[in-house]
């Protein structure tokens, strides 16, 4: 694969045909990071949260399957899958007055890393923000992840807040699972939010630019 100057990167809404591949990549990355830092990753986080995020990205509010996702996008190089990124649920209610969107997951295939694919996806998200006049487009990046922070800052992102934490020295507890038919409560959604932050922070370390 040559440099980006001779690559043709096309970013589009993720088709349902790539759903299984994206899910498998997410699980592979999750397993690797949980093995490296079990204190940060609940054992059931993939099944209860990450897979749920992906499933929701390919269904509408009524649960009907979609042919393509409205908030998960893929980067293609001459028809070859190069990577993907996922935004938080996009606002669809015309009465909503505030549109805050977050880049929650971003991934580049190993053979395409370091060739500008991640940057292209970030620029695509920025284009959507401009087109739809969102009030904010955010991404959470760990302090240690200098390369990822540099990439986002070079794309115009600025530091909005800084979160300090004192984590446990044991494996993370599983996320409490709601009873069948019940929605997640505030504490459950807290874990999903924390996990989304961890996903974009850790995955970004493997992006390349």
N, C-alpha and C. Protein backbone atom coordinates (compact mmCIF):
# COMPACT_ATOMS: atom_id res chain seq x y z
N UNK A 1 0.85 -1.19 0.00
CA UNK A 1 0.00 0.00 0.00
C UNK A 1 0.89 1.24 0.00
N UNK A 2 0.64 2.15 -0.90
CA UNK A 2 1.46 3.34 -1.01
C UNK A 2 1.04 4.41 -0.05
N UNK A 3 1.68 5.56 -0.11
CA UNK A 3 1.34 6.68 0.77
C UNK A 3 -0.04 7.21 0.45
N UNK A 4 -0.55 8.06 1.34
CA UNK A 4 -1.91 8.57 1.20
C UNK A 4 -2.11 9.30 -0.10
N UNK A 5 -1.07 9.91 -0.65
CA UNK A 5 -1.19 10.70 -1.86
C UNK A 5 -1.65 9.85 -3.05
N UNK A 6 -1.42 8.53 -3.00
CA UNK A 6 -1.86 7.68 -4.10
C UNK A 6 -3.00 6.76 -3.66
N UNK A 7 -3.49 6.97 -2.45
CA UNK A 7 -4.63 6.21 -1.96
C UNK A 7 -5.91 6.97 -2.25
N UNK A 8 -6.97 6.23 -2.46
CA UNK A 8 -8.28 6.84 -2.64
C UNK A 8 -9.13 6.46 -1.43
N UNK A 9 -9.27 7.39 -0.50
CA UNK A 9 -10.03 7.13 0.72
C UNK A 9 -11.43 7.70 0.56
N UNK A 10 -12.41 6.84 0.68
CA UNK A 10 -13.80 7.25 0.61
C UNK A 10 -14.47 6.88 1.93
N UNK A 11 -15.11 7.84 2.57
CA UNK A 11 -15.76 7.60 3.85
C UNK A 11 -17.27 7.67 3.65
N UNK A 12 -17.95 6.66 4.11
CA UNK A 12 -19.39 6.57 3.91
C UNK A 12 -20.06 5.96 5.14
N UNK A 13 -21.37 6.04 5.20
CA UNK A 13 -22.10 5.38 6.27
C UNK A 13 -21.83 3.88 6.20
N UNK A 14 -21.60 3.27 7.35
CA UNK A 14 -21.26 1.85 7.38
C UNK A 14 -22.44 1.00 6.93
N UNK A 15 -22.22 0.13 5.94
CA UNK A 15 -23.29 -0.77 5.49
C UNK A 15 -23.47 -1.93 6.47
N UNK A 16 -24.67 -2.48 6.51
CA UNK A 16 -24.94 -3.59 7.41
C UNK A 16 -24.06 -4.79 7.11
N UNK A 17 -23.57 -4.89 5.88
CA UNK A 17 -22.71 -6.02 5.50
C UNK A 17 -21.38 -6.02 6.25
N UNK A 18 -20.98 -4.87 6.81
CA UNK A 18 -19.72 -4.79 7.57
C UNK A 18 -19.94 -4.82 9.08
N UNK A 19 -21.18 -4.98 9.48
CA UNK A 19 -21.50 -4.98 10.92
C UNK A 19 -20.74 -6.06 11.67
N UNK A 20 -20.75 -7.29 11.15
CA UNK A 20 -20.07 -8.39 11.84
C UNK A 20 -18.57 -8.16 11.92
N UNK A 21 -17.98 -7.61 10.87
CA UNK A 21 -16.53 -7.37 10.86
C UNK A 21 -16.16 -6.31 11.89
N UNK A 22 -16.94 -5.24 11.95
CA UNK A 22 -16.68 -4.17 12.91
C UNK A 22 -16.85 -4.69 14.33
N UNK A 23 -17.88 -5.50 14.55
CA UNK A 23 -18.10 -6.08 15.87
C UNK A 23 -16.91 -6.95 16.29
N UNK A 24 -16.41 -7.76 15.36
CA UNK A 24 -15.27 -8.64 15.66
C UNK A 24 -14.01 -7.84 15.98
N UNK A 25 -13.79 -6.75 15.25
CA UNK A 25 -12.62 -5.91 15.51
C UNK A 25 -12.72 -5.26 16.89
N UNK A 26 -13.91 -4.81 17.24
CA UNK A 26 -14.12 -4.21 18.56
C UNK A 26 -13.85 -5.23 19.66
N UNK A 27 -14.33 -6.45 19.47
CA UNK A 27 -14.12 -7.47 20.50
C UNK A 27 -12.64 -7.83 20.62
N UNK A 28 -11.96 -7.95 19.51
CA UNK A 28 -10.54 -8.27 19.53
C UNK A 28 -9.74 -7.21 20.29
N UNK A 29 -10.05 -5.95 20.01
CA UNK A 29 -9.35 -4.86 20.68
C UNK A 29 -9.68 -4.83 22.17
N UNK A 30 -10.97 -5.02 22.48
CA UNK A 30 -11.39 -5.03 23.88
C UNK A 30 -10.67 -6.13 24.66
N UNK A 31 -10.61 -7.35 24.11
CA UNK A 31 -9.97 -8.46 24.81
C UNK A 31 -8.49 -8.17 25.07
N UNK A 32 -7.82 -7.59 24.09
CA UNK A 32 -6.40 -7.28 24.25
C UNK A 32 -6.19 -6.25 25.35
N UNK A 33 -7.02 -5.24 25.38
CA UNK A 33 -6.84 -4.19 26.39
C UNK A 33 -7.28 -4.64 27.77
N UNK A 34 -8.28 -5.52 27.85
CA UNK A 34 -8.68 -6.02 29.16
C UNK A 34 -7.59 -6.90 29.75
N UNK A 35 -6.91 -7.66 28.89
CA UNK A 35 -5.81 -8.49 29.37
C UNK A 35 -4.66 -7.62 29.89
N UNK A 36 -4.43 -6.48 29.20
CA UNK A 36 -3.34 -5.59 29.60
C UNK A 36 -3.67 -4.76 30.84
N UNK A 37 -4.95 -4.36 31.00
CA UNK A 37 -5.33 -3.53 32.14
C UNK A 37 -6.72 -3.92 32.63
N UNK A 38 -6.82 -5.07 33.32
CA UNK A 38 -8.12 -5.57 33.77
C UNK A 38 -8.84 -4.64 34.74
N UNK A 39 -8.09 -3.76 35.41
CA UNK A 39 -8.73 -2.82 36.35
C UNK A 39 -9.59 -1.79 35.63
N UNK A 40 -9.37 -1.62 34.32
CA UNK A 40 -10.10 -0.60 33.57
C UNK A 40 -11.29 -1.16 32.79
N UNK A 41 -11.37 -2.48 32.66
CA UNK A 41 -12.36 -3.07 31.76
C UNK A 41 -13.20 -4.12 32.46
N UNK A 42 -14.47 -3.84 32.74
CA UNK A 42 -15.35 -4.88 33.29
C UNK A 42 -15.41 -6.09 32.37
N UNK A 43 -15.49 -7.28 32.94
CA UNK A 43 -15.46 -8.49 32.14
C UNK A 43 -16.61 -8.63 31.17
N UNK A 44 -17.75 -8.03 31.49
CA UNK A 44 -18.91 -8.14 30.60
C UNK A 44 -19.12 -6.88 29.76
N UNK A 45 -18.09 -6.02 29.70
CA UNK A 45 -18.29 -4.74 29.02
C UNK A 45 -18.53 -4.89 27.52
N UNK A 46 -17.85 -5.84 26.88
CA UNK A 46 -18.07 -6.00 25.44
C UNK A 46 -19.51 -6.42 25.16
N UNK A 47 -19.96 -7.49 25.84
CA UNK A 47 -21.30 -8.01 25.55
C UNK A 47 -22.41 -7.03 25.93
N UNK A 48 -22.23 -6.36 27.05
CA UNK A 48 -23.31 -5.51 27.55
C UNK A 48 -23.28 -4.10 26.97
N UNK A 49 -22.10 -3.62 26.62
CA UNK A 49 -22.00 -2.23 26.19
C UNK A 49 -21.53 -2.07 24.75
N UNK A 50 -20.32 -2.53 24.44
CA UNK A 50 -19.77 -2.30 23.10
C UNK A 50 -20.66 -2.91 22.02
N UNK A 51 -21.03 -4.18 22.20
CA UNK A 51 -21.89 -4.82 21.21
C UNK A 51 -23.25 -4.12 21.13
N UNK A 52 -23.73 -3.65 22.28
CA UNK A 52 -24.99 -2.91 22.30
C UNK A 52 -24.89 -1.64 21.48
N UNK A 53 -23.76 -0.92 21.64
CA UNK A 53 -23.55 0.30 20.87
C UNK A 53 -23.62 0.01 19.37
N UNK A 54 -22.95 -1.08 18.95
CA UNK A 54 -22.92 -1.41 17.52
C UNK A 54 -24.30 -1.83 17.03
N UNK A 55 -24.98 -2.66 17.82
CA UNK A 55 -26.33 -3.08 17.44
C UNK A 55 -27.25 -1.87 17.27
N UNK A 56 -27.15 -0.92 18.21
CA UNK A 56 -27.99 0.27 18.13
C UNK A 56 -27.64 1.13 16.92
N UNK A 57 -26.39 1.06 16.48
CA UNK A 57 -25.97 1.86 15.33
C UNK A 57 -26.60 1.35 14.03
N UNK A 58 -27.13 0.12 14.04
CA UNK A 58 -27.72 -0.46 12.84
C UNK A 58 -29.22 -0.71 12.98
N UNK A 59 -29.86 -0.06 13.95
CA UNK A 59 -31.30 -0.18 14.12
C UNK A 59 -31.90 1.20 14.37
N UNK A 60 -33.15 1.37 14.00
CA UNK A 60 -33.80 2.65 14.26
C UNK A 60 -34.46 2.61 15.63
N UNK A 61 -35.17 3.68 15.99
CA UNK A 61 -35.74 3.81 17.32
C UNK A 61 -36.75 2.70 17.63
N UNK A 62 -37.36 2.14 16.60
CA UNK A 62 -38.35 1.08 16.80
C UNK A 62 -37.72 -0.31 16.83
N UNK A 63 -36.40 -0.38 16.60
CA UNK A 63 -35.71 -1.67 16.59
C UNK A 63 -35.60 -2.30 15.22
N UNK A 64 -36.07 -1.61 14.20
CA UNK A 64 -36.01 -2.13 12.83
C UNK A 64 -34.58 -2.05 12.29
N UNK A 65 -34.12 -3.11 11.64
CA UNK A 65 -32.77 -3.15 11.09
C UNK A 65 -32.61 -2.14 9.96
N UNK A 66 -31.44 -1.49 9.93
CA UNK A 66 -31.14 -0.51 8.90
C UNK A 66 -30.13 -1.08 7.92
N UNK A 67 -30.21 -0.67 6.67
CA UNK A 67 -29.24 -1.11 5.66
C UNK A 67 -27.88 -0.46 5.86
N UNK A 68 -27.86 0.72 6.47
CA UNK A 68 -26.61 1.40 6.80
C UNK A 68 -26.81 2.22 8.05
N UNK A 69 -25.74 2.43 8.76
CA UNK A 69 -25.81 3.13 10.04
C UNK A 69 -25.79 4.64 9.86
N UNK A 70 -26.58 5.38 10.65
CA UNK A 70 -26.55 6.83 10.57
C UNK A 70 -25.40 7.46 11.35
N UNK A 71 -24.76 6.70 12.25
CA UNK A 71 -23.72 7.28 13.09
C UNK A 71 -22.43 6.47 13.16
N UNK A 72 -22.32 5.44 12.32
CA UNK A 72 -21.09 4.66 12.23
C UNK A 72 -20.64 4.73 10.77
N UNK A 73 -19.37 5.09 10.58
CA UNK A 73 -18.86 5.35 9.23
C UNK A 73 -17.62 4.50 8.96
N UNK A 74 -17.45 4.13 7.69
CA UNK A 74 -16.29 3.33 7.30
C UNK A 74 -15.43 4.08 6.30
N UNK A 75 -14.13 3.86 6.39
CA UNK A 75 -13.18 4.40 5.42
C UNK A 75 -12.82 3.27 4.46
N UNK A 76 -12.98 3.51 3.17
CA UNK A 76 -12.71 2.50 2.16
C UNK A 76 -11.59 2.98 1.23
N UNK A 77 -10.70 2.09 0.86
CA UNK A 77 -9.64 2.40 -0.09
C UNK A 77 -9.84 1.52 -1.32
N UNK A 78 -10.37 2.11 -2.38
CA UNK A 78 -10.65 1.36 -3.61
C UNK A 78 -11.45 0.09 -3.32
N UNK A 79 -12.47 0.23 -2.47
CA UNK A 79 -13.33 -0.89 -2.15
C UNK A 79 -12.86 -1.77 -1.01
N UNK A 80 -11.66 -1.50 -0.48
CA UNK A 80 -11.13 -2.28 0.64
C UNK A 80 -11.37 -1.54 1.96
N UNK A 81 -11.90 -2.26 2.94
CA UNK A 81 -12.18 -1.69 4.25
C UNK A 81 -10.89 -1.28 4.94
N UNK A 82 -10.76 0.01 5.29
CA UNK A 82 -9.54 0.52 5.91
C UNK A 82 -9.72 0.89 7.38
N UNK A 83 -10.94 1.16 7.79
CA UNK A 83 -11.18 1.54 9.17
C UNK A 83 -12.60 2.04 9.35
N UNK A 84 -12.91 2.41 10.57
CA UNK A 84 -14.24 2.93 10.86
C UNK A 84 -14.17 3.91 12.03
N UNK A 85 -15.21 4.71 12.16
CA UNK A 85 -15.37 5.50 13.38
C UNK A 85 -16.85 5.60 13.72
N UNK A 86 -17.13 5.76 15.01
CA UNK A 86 -18.51 5.82 15.47
C UNK A 86 -18.74 7.08 16.28
N UNK A 87 -19.83 7.75 15.98
CA UNK A 87 -20.25 8.93 16.72
C UNK A 87 -21.30 8.54 17.76
N UNK A 88 -21.44 9.35 18.79
CA UNK A 88 -22.55 9.15 19.72
C UNK A 88 -23.85 9.29 18.93
N UNK A 89 -24.93 8.81 19.48
CA UNK A 89 -26.21 8.86 18.77
C UNK A 89 -26.48 10.27 18.26
N UNK A 90 -26.78 10.36 16.98
CA UNK A 90 -27.02 11.67 16.40
C UNK A 90 -28.41 12.17 16.75
N UNK A 91 -28.56 13.46 17.04
CA UNK A 91 -29.88 14.00 17.38
C UNK A 91 -30.80 13.97 16.16
N UNK A 92 -32.01 13.50 16.36
CA UNK A 92 -32.96 13.42 15.26
C UNK A 92 -34.24 14.21 15.52
N UNK A 93 -34.46 14.64 16.74
CA UNK A 93 -35.65 15.39 17.10
C UNK A 93 -35.51 16.84 16.64
N UNK A 94 -36.35 17.31 15.74
CA UNK A 94 -36.23 18.68 15.24
C UNK A 94 -36.43 19.73 16.33
N UNK A 95 -37.00 19.33 17.47
CA UNK A 95 -37.21 20.28 18.56
C UNK A 95 -35.97 20.43 19.43
N UNK A 96 -35.01 19.53 19.26
CA UNK A 96 -33.78 19.61 20.06
C UNK A 96 -33.01 20.88 19.71
N UNK A 97 -32.60 21.60 20.74
CA UNK A 97 -31.93 22.88 20.52
C UNK A 97 -30.42 22.79 20.64
N UNK A 98 -29.93 21.73 21.27
CA UNK A 98 -28.48 21.64 21.49
C UNK A 98 -27.97 20.32 20.94
N UNK A 99 -26.99 20.40 20.05
CA UNK A 99 -26.47 19.22 19.37
C UNK A 99 -25.01 19.00 19.79
N UNK A 100 -24.80 18.13 20.77
CA UNK A 100 -23.45 17.79 21.23
C UNK A 100 -23.15 16.37 20.80
N UNK A 101 -22.11 16.18 20.01
CA UNK A 101 -21.77 14.88 19.45
C UNK A 101 -20.33 14.53 19.83
N UNK A 102 -20.08 13.25 20.06
CA UNK A 102 -18.75 12.81 20.47
C UNK A 102 -18.25 11.68 19.57
N UNK A 103 -16.98 11.73 19.21
CA UNK A 103 -16.33 10.61 18.53
C UNK A 103 -16.04 9.58 19.61
N UNK A 104 -16.77 8.46 19.59
CA UNK A 104 -16.69 7.49 20.68
C UNK A 104 -15.83 6.28 20.36
N UNK A 105 -15.54 6.06 19.11
CA UNK A 105 -14.76 4.88 18.72
C UNK A 105 -14.14 5.16 17.36
N UNK A 106 -12.88 4.80 17.19
CA UNK A 106 -12.21 5.02 15.91
C UNK A 106 -11.13 3.94 15.75
N UNK A 107 -11.05 3.37 14.56
CA UNK A 107 -10.15 2.23 14.35
C UNK A 107 -9.64 2.25 12.92
N UNK A 108 -8.34 1.92 12.76
CA UNK A 108 -7.73 1.81 11.44
C UNK A 108 -7.10 0.41 11.32
N UNK A 109 -7.35 -0.26 10.20
CA UNK A 109 -6.75 -1.57 9.96
C UNK A 109 -5.22 -1.45 9.98
N UNK A 110 -4.52 -2.46 10.53
CA UNK A 110 -3.06 -2.38 10.67
C UNK A 110 -2.33 -2.00 9.38
N UNK A 111 -2.75 -2.55 8.26
CA UNK A 111 -2.04 -2.27 7.01
C UNK A 111 -2.26 -0.86 6.48
N UNK A 112 -3.19 -0.12 7.08
CA UNK A 112 -3.45 1.25 6.63
C UNK A 112 -2.99 2.30 7.65
N UNK A 113 -2.42 1.86 8.75
CA UNK A 113 -2.01 2.82 9.78
C UNK A 113 -0.83 3.65 9.33
N UNK A 114 -0.78 4.89 9.81
CA UNK A 114 0.30 5.79 9.47
C UNK A 114 0.19 6.40 8.10
N UNK A 115 -0.99 6.29 7.47
CA UNK A 115 -1.15 6.79 6.11
C UNK A 115 -2.27 7.83 5.99
N UNK A 116 -2.68 8.37 7.12
CA UNK A 116 -3.65 9.47 7.07
C UNK A 116 -5.10 9.07 7.14
N UNK A 117 -5.39 7.79 7.36
CA UNK A 117 -6.78 7.33 7.38
C UNK A 117 -7.51 7.90 8.61
N UNK A 118 -6.87 7.85 9.78
CA UNK A 118 -7.50 8.39 10.98
C UNK A 118 -7.78 9.88 10.82
N UNK A 119 -6.83 10.60 10.27
CA UNK A 119 -7.02 12.03 10.05
C UNK A 119 -8.20 12.27 9.10
N UNK A 120 -8.29 11.45 8.05
CA UNK A 120 -9.39 11.60 7.10
C UNK A 120 -10.74 11.39 7.78
N UNK A 121 -10.80 10.42 8.70
CA UNK A 121 -12.06 10.17 9.39
C UNK A 121 -12.42 11.31 10.34
N UNK A 122 -11.41 11.86 11.02
CA UNK A 122 -11.67 13.01 11.89
C UNK A 122 -12.16 14.20 11.07
N UNK A 123 -11.54 14.41 9.92
CA UNK A 123 -11.96 15.52 9.06
C UNK A 123 -13.37 15.29 8.53
N UNK A 124 -13.73 14.03 8.30
CA UNK A 124 -15.09 13.72 7.87
C UNK A 124 -16.08 14.09 8.97
N UNK A 125 -15.75 13.74 10.21
CA UNK A 125 -16.62 14.09 11.34
C UNK A 125 -16.74 15.61 11.48
N UNK A 126 -15.64 16.30 11.29
CA UNK A 126 -15.68 17.77 11.35
C UNK A 126 -16.58 18.33 10.26
N UNK A 127 -16.53 17.71 9.08
CA UNK A 127 -17.39 18.16 8.00
C UNK A 127 -18.86 17.99 8.34
N UNK A 128 -19.20 16.87 8.99
CA UNK A 128 -20.58 16.66 9.41
C UNK A 128 -21.00 17.71 10.43
N UNK A 129 -20.08 18.02 11.34
CA UNK A 129 -20.38 19.03 12.36
C UNK A 129 -20.69 20.38 11.73
N UNK A 130 -19.91 20.74 10.71
CA UNK A 130 -20.14 22.01 10.01
C UNK A 130 -21.45 21.98 9.23
N UNK A 131 -21.67 20.88 8.52
CA UNK A 131 -22.86 20.76 7.68
C UNK A 131 -24.15 20.84 8.50
N UNK A 132 -24.12 20.16 9.66
CA UNK A 132 -25.34 20.08 10.48
C UNK A 132 -25.36 21.11 11.62
N UNK A 133 -24.33 21.96 11.66
CA UNK A 133 -24.27 23.03 12.67
C UNK A 133 -24.39 22.50 14.09
N UNK A 134 -23.60 21.44 14.40
CA UNK A 134 -23.60 20.92 15.76
C UNK A 134 -22.97 21.95 16.70
N UNK A 135 -23.42 21.92 17.95
CA UNK A 135 -22.87 22.85 18.94
C UNK A 135 -21.49 22.43 19.43
N UNK A 136 -21.21 21.13 19.38
CA UNK A 136 -19.87 20.68 19.77
C UNK A 136 -19.60 19.31 19.17
N UNK A 137 -18.32 19.06 18.90
CA UNK A 137 -17.83 17.75 18.48
C UNK A 137 -16.63 17.46 19.37
N UNK A 138 -16.74 16.43 20.21
CA UNK A 138 -15.71 16.15 21.20
C UNK A 138 -15.10 14.77 21.03
N UNK A 139 -13.95 14.58 21.64
CA UNK A 139 -13.31 13.27 21.74
C UNK A 139 -12.54 13.26 23.05
N UNK A 140 -12.57 12.15 23.77
CA UNK A 140 -11.85 12.02 25.03
C UNK A 140 -10.60 11.19 24.81
N UNK A 141 -9.44 11.75 25.16
CA UNK A 141 -8.16 11.08 24.93
C UNK A 141 -7.37 11.06 26.23
N UNK A 142 -6.82 9.90 26.56
CA UNK A 142 -6.04 9.78 27.80
C UNK A 142 -4.79 10.66 27.75
N UNK A 143 -4.37 11.13 28.92
CA UNK A 143 -3.23 12.02 29.04
C UNK A 143 -1.95 11.40 28.46
N UNK A 144 -1.78 10.08 28.67
CA UNK A 144 -0.55 9.42 28.23
C UNK A 144 -0.48 9.27 26.72
N UNK A 145 -1.63 9.42 26.04
CA UNK A 145 -1.69 9.16 24.61
C UNK A 145 -1.27 10.39 23.82
N UNK A 146 0.02 10.67 23.84
CA UNK A 146 0.54 11.90 23.23
C UNK A 146 0.27 11.95 21.73
N UNK A 147 0.45 10.84 21.04
CA UNK A 147 0.26 10.83 19.59
C UNK A 147 -1.16 11.15 19.20
N UNK A 148 -2.12 10.52 19.90
CA UNK A 148 -3.53 10.77 19.59
C UNK A 148 -3.92 12.20 19.93
N UNK A 149 -3.45 12.67 21.08
CA UNK A 149 -3.76 14.05 21.48
C UNK A 149 -3.21 15.04 20.45
N UNK A 150 -1.99 14.77 19.97
CA UNK A 150 -1.38 15.63 18.97
C UNK A 150 -2.20 15.63 17.68
N UNK A 151 -2.72 14.45 17.30
CA UNK A 151 -3.53 14.34 16.09
C UNK A 151 -4.80 15.17 16.20
N UNK A 152 -5.52 15.01 17.30
CA UNK A 152 -6.76 15.77 17.47
C UNK A 152 -6.48 17.27 17.56
N UNK A 153 -5.42 17.65 18.27
CA UNK A 153 -5.10 19.07 18.39
C UNK A 153 -4.71 19.66 17.04
N UNK A 154 -4.04 18.87 16.20
CA UNK A 154 -3.67 19.37 14.88
C UNK A 154 -4.90 19.56 13.99
N UNK A 155 -6.02 18.92 14.38
CA UNK A 155 -7.27 19.07 13.66
C UNK A 155 -8.18 20.13 14.29
N UNK A 156 -7.61 20.91 15.22
CA UNK A 156 -8.35 22.02 15.79
C UNK A 156 -9.04 21.75 17.11
N UNK A 157 -8.94 20.53 17.64
CA UNK A 157 -9.55 20.23 18.94
C UNK A 157 -8.73 20.86 20.05
N UNK A 158 -9.39 21.39 21.06
CA UNK A 158 -8.71 22.01 22.20
C UNK A 158 -9.15 21.33 23.49
N UNK A 159 -8.31 21.43 24.52
CA UNK A 159 -8.61 20.81 25.80
C UNK A 159 -9.76 21.57 26.48
N UNK A 160 -10.82 20.84 26.81
CA UNK A 160 -11.97 21.44 27.48
C UNK A 160 -12.02 21.14 28.96
N UNK A 161 -11.48 19.98 29.33
CA UNK A 161 -11.50 19.59 30.74
C UNK A 161 -10.40 18.57 30.99
N UNK A 162 -10.14 18.33 32.26
CA UNK A 162 -9.12 17.37 32.65
C UNK A 162 -9.67 16.54 33.80
N UNK A 163 -9.67 15.23 33.66
CA UNK A 163 -10.25 14.35 34.67
C UNK A 163 -9.15 13.57 35.37
N UNK A 164 -9.12 13.64 36.71
CA UNK A 164 -8.15 12.90 37.50
C UNK A 164 -8.85 11.73 38.17
N UNK A 165 -8.14 10.64 38.36
CA UNK A 165 -8.78 9.47 38.97
C UNK A 165 -7.80 8.64 39.77
N UNK A 166 -8.33 7.91 40.71
CA UNK A 166 -7.55 6.96 41.51
C UNK A 166 -8.24 5.61 41.35
N UNK A 167 -7.67 4.76 40.50
CA UNK A 167 -8.33 3.50 40.18
C UNK A 167 -8.00 2.39 41.15
N UNK A 168 -8.77 1.31 41.13
CA UNK A 168 -8.50 0.16 42.01
C UNK A 168 -7.31 -0.65 41.51
N UNK A 169 -6.72 -1.44 42.40
CA UNK A 169 -5.61 -2.31 42.02
C UNK A 169 -6.09 -3.74 41.82
N UNK A 170 -7.33 -3.88 41.44
CA UNK A 170 -7.94 -5.18 41.17
C UNK A 170 -8.69 -5.10 39.84
N UNK A 171 -9.13 -6.23 39.35
CA UNK A 171 -9.92 -6.25 38.11
C UNK A 171 -11.24 -5.52 38.31
N UNK A 172 -11.67 -4.83 37.29
CA UNK A 172 -12.93 -4.09 37.37
C UNK A 172 -14.11 -5.04 37.56
N UNK A 173 -15.09 -4.60 38.34
CA UNK A 173 -16.30 -5.38 38.51
C UNK A 173 -17.15 -5.32 37.24
N UNK A 174 -17.96 -6.34 37.04
CA UNK A 174 -18.86 -6.34 35.89
C UNK A 174 -19.88 -5.21 36.01
N UNK A 175 -20.35 -4.74 34.87
CA UNK A 175 -21.41 -3.74 34.84
C UNK A 175 -22.70 -4.41 35.32
N UNK A 176 -23.45 -3.76 36.22
CA UNK A 176 -24.74 -4.34 36.63
C UNK A 176 -25.66 -4.46 35.41
N UNK A 177 -26.24 -5.62 35.22
CA UNK A 177 -27.11 -5.84 34.06
C UNK A 177 -28.56 -5.60 34.46
N UNK A 178 -29.26 -4.76 33.70
CA UNK A 178 -30.66 -4.49 34.03
C UNK A 178 -31.52 -5.71 33.82
N UNK A 179 -32.64 -5.76 34.52
CA UNK A 179 -33.57 -6.87 34.36
C UNK A 179 -34.13 -6.87 32.94
N UNK A 180 -34.55 -8.02 32.48
CA UNK A 180 -35.09 -8.14 31.13
C UNK A 180 -36.23 -7.15 30.93
N UNK A 181 -36.14 -6.40 29.84
CA UNK A 181 -37.19 -5.44 29.52
C UNK A 181 -37.01 -4.08 30.15
N UNK A 182 -36.03 -3.95 31.05
CA UNK A 182 -35.79 -2.67 31.70
C UNK A 182 -34.65 -1.94 31.01
N UNK A 183 -34.72 -0.61 31.07
CA UNK A 183 -33.67 0.20 30.49
C UNK A 183 -32.56 0.39 31.51
N UNK A 184 -31.39 0.81 31.02
CA UNK A 184 -30.29 1.11 31.93
C UNK A 184 -30.67 2.27 32.83
N UNK A 185 -30.23 2.17 34.09
CA UNK A 185 -30.42 3.27 35.02
C UNK A 185 -29.23 4.21 34.96
N UNK A 186 -29.23 5.30 35.74
CA UNK A 186 -28.14 6.29 35.72
C UNK A 186 -26.77 5.67 36.00
N UNK A 187 -26.70 4.74 36.98
CA UNK A 187 -25.40 4.15 37.30
C UNK A 187 -24.89 3.27 36.17
N UNK A 188 -25.82 2.57 35.50
CA UNK A 188 -25.42 1.71 34.39
C UNK A 188 -24.90 2.54 33.24
N UNK A 189 -25.59 3.63 32.93
CA UNK A 189 -25.14 4.48 31.84
C UNK A 189 -23.82 5.15 32.16
N UNK A 190 -23.52 5.36 33.46
CA UNK A 190 -22.21 5.89 33.84
C UNK A 190 -21.12 4.94 33.37
N UNK A 191 -21.32 3.63 33.60
CA UNK A 191 -20.32 2.66 33.17
C UNK A 191 -20.18 2.65 31.66
N UNK A 192 -21.28 2.77 30.95
CA UNK A 192 -21.21 2.79 29.48
C UNK A 192 -20.43 4.00 29.01
N UNK A 193 -20.65 5.15 29.69
CA UNK A 193 -19.94 6.37 29.32
C UNK A 193 -18.45 6.22 29.58
N UNK A 194 -18.10 5.69 30.75
CA UNK A 194 -16.69 5.48 31.09
C UNK A 194 -16.04 4.55 30.07
N UNK A 195 -16.74 3.50 29.72
CA UNK A 195 -16.20 2.55 28.76
C UNK A 195 -15.99 3.17 27.40
N UNK A 196 -16.92 4.03 26.96
CA UNK A 196 -16.77 4.69 25.66
C UNK A 196 -15.52 5.57 25.66
N UNK A 197 -15.28 6.24 26.78
CA UNK A 197 -14.07 7.05 26.90
C UNK A 197 -12.83 6.17 26.78
N UNK A 198 -12.84 5.04 27.48
CA UNK A 198 -11.69 4.15 27.42
C UNK A 198 -11.47 3.62 26.01
N UNK A 199 -12.56 3.29 25.31
CA UNK A 199 -12.42 2.74 23.96
C UNK A 199 -11.73 3.73 23.02
N UNK A 200 -12.21 4.97 23.00
CA UNK A 200 -11.61 5.92 22.07
C UNK A 200 -10.19 6.25 22.50
N UNK A 201 -9.93 6.25 23.81
CA UNK A 201 -8.59 6.57 24.30
C UNK A 201 -7.59 5.49 23.93
N UNK A 202 -7.95 4.23 24.19
CA UNK A 202 -7.04 3.13 23.92
C UNK A 202 -6.92 2.83 22.44
N UNK A 203 -8.04 2.82 21.72
CA UNK A 203 -7.98 2.52 20.30
C UNK A 203 -7.18 3.56 19.56
N UNK A 204 -7.26 4.80 20.02
CA UNK A 204 -6.53 5.88 19.34
C UNK A 204 -5.03 5.65 19.38
N UNK A 205 -4.57 4.90 20.33
CA UNK A 205 -3.13 4.61 20.41
C UNK A 205 -2.66 3.78 19.22
N UNK A 206 -3.59 3.12 18.56
CA UNK A 206 -3.24 2.22 17.46
C UNK A 206 -3.65 2.77 16.10
N UNK A 207 -4.06 4.02 16.09
CA UNK A 207 -4.60 4.58 14.85
C UNK A 207 -3.58 4.77 13.76
N UNK A 208 -2.44 5.34 14.10
CA UNK A 208 -1.60 5.93 13.09
C UNK A 208 -2.29 7.23 12.67
N UNK A 209 -1.75 7.92 11.72
CA UNK A 209 -2.34 9.19 11.30
C UNK A 209 -2.73 9.16 9.85
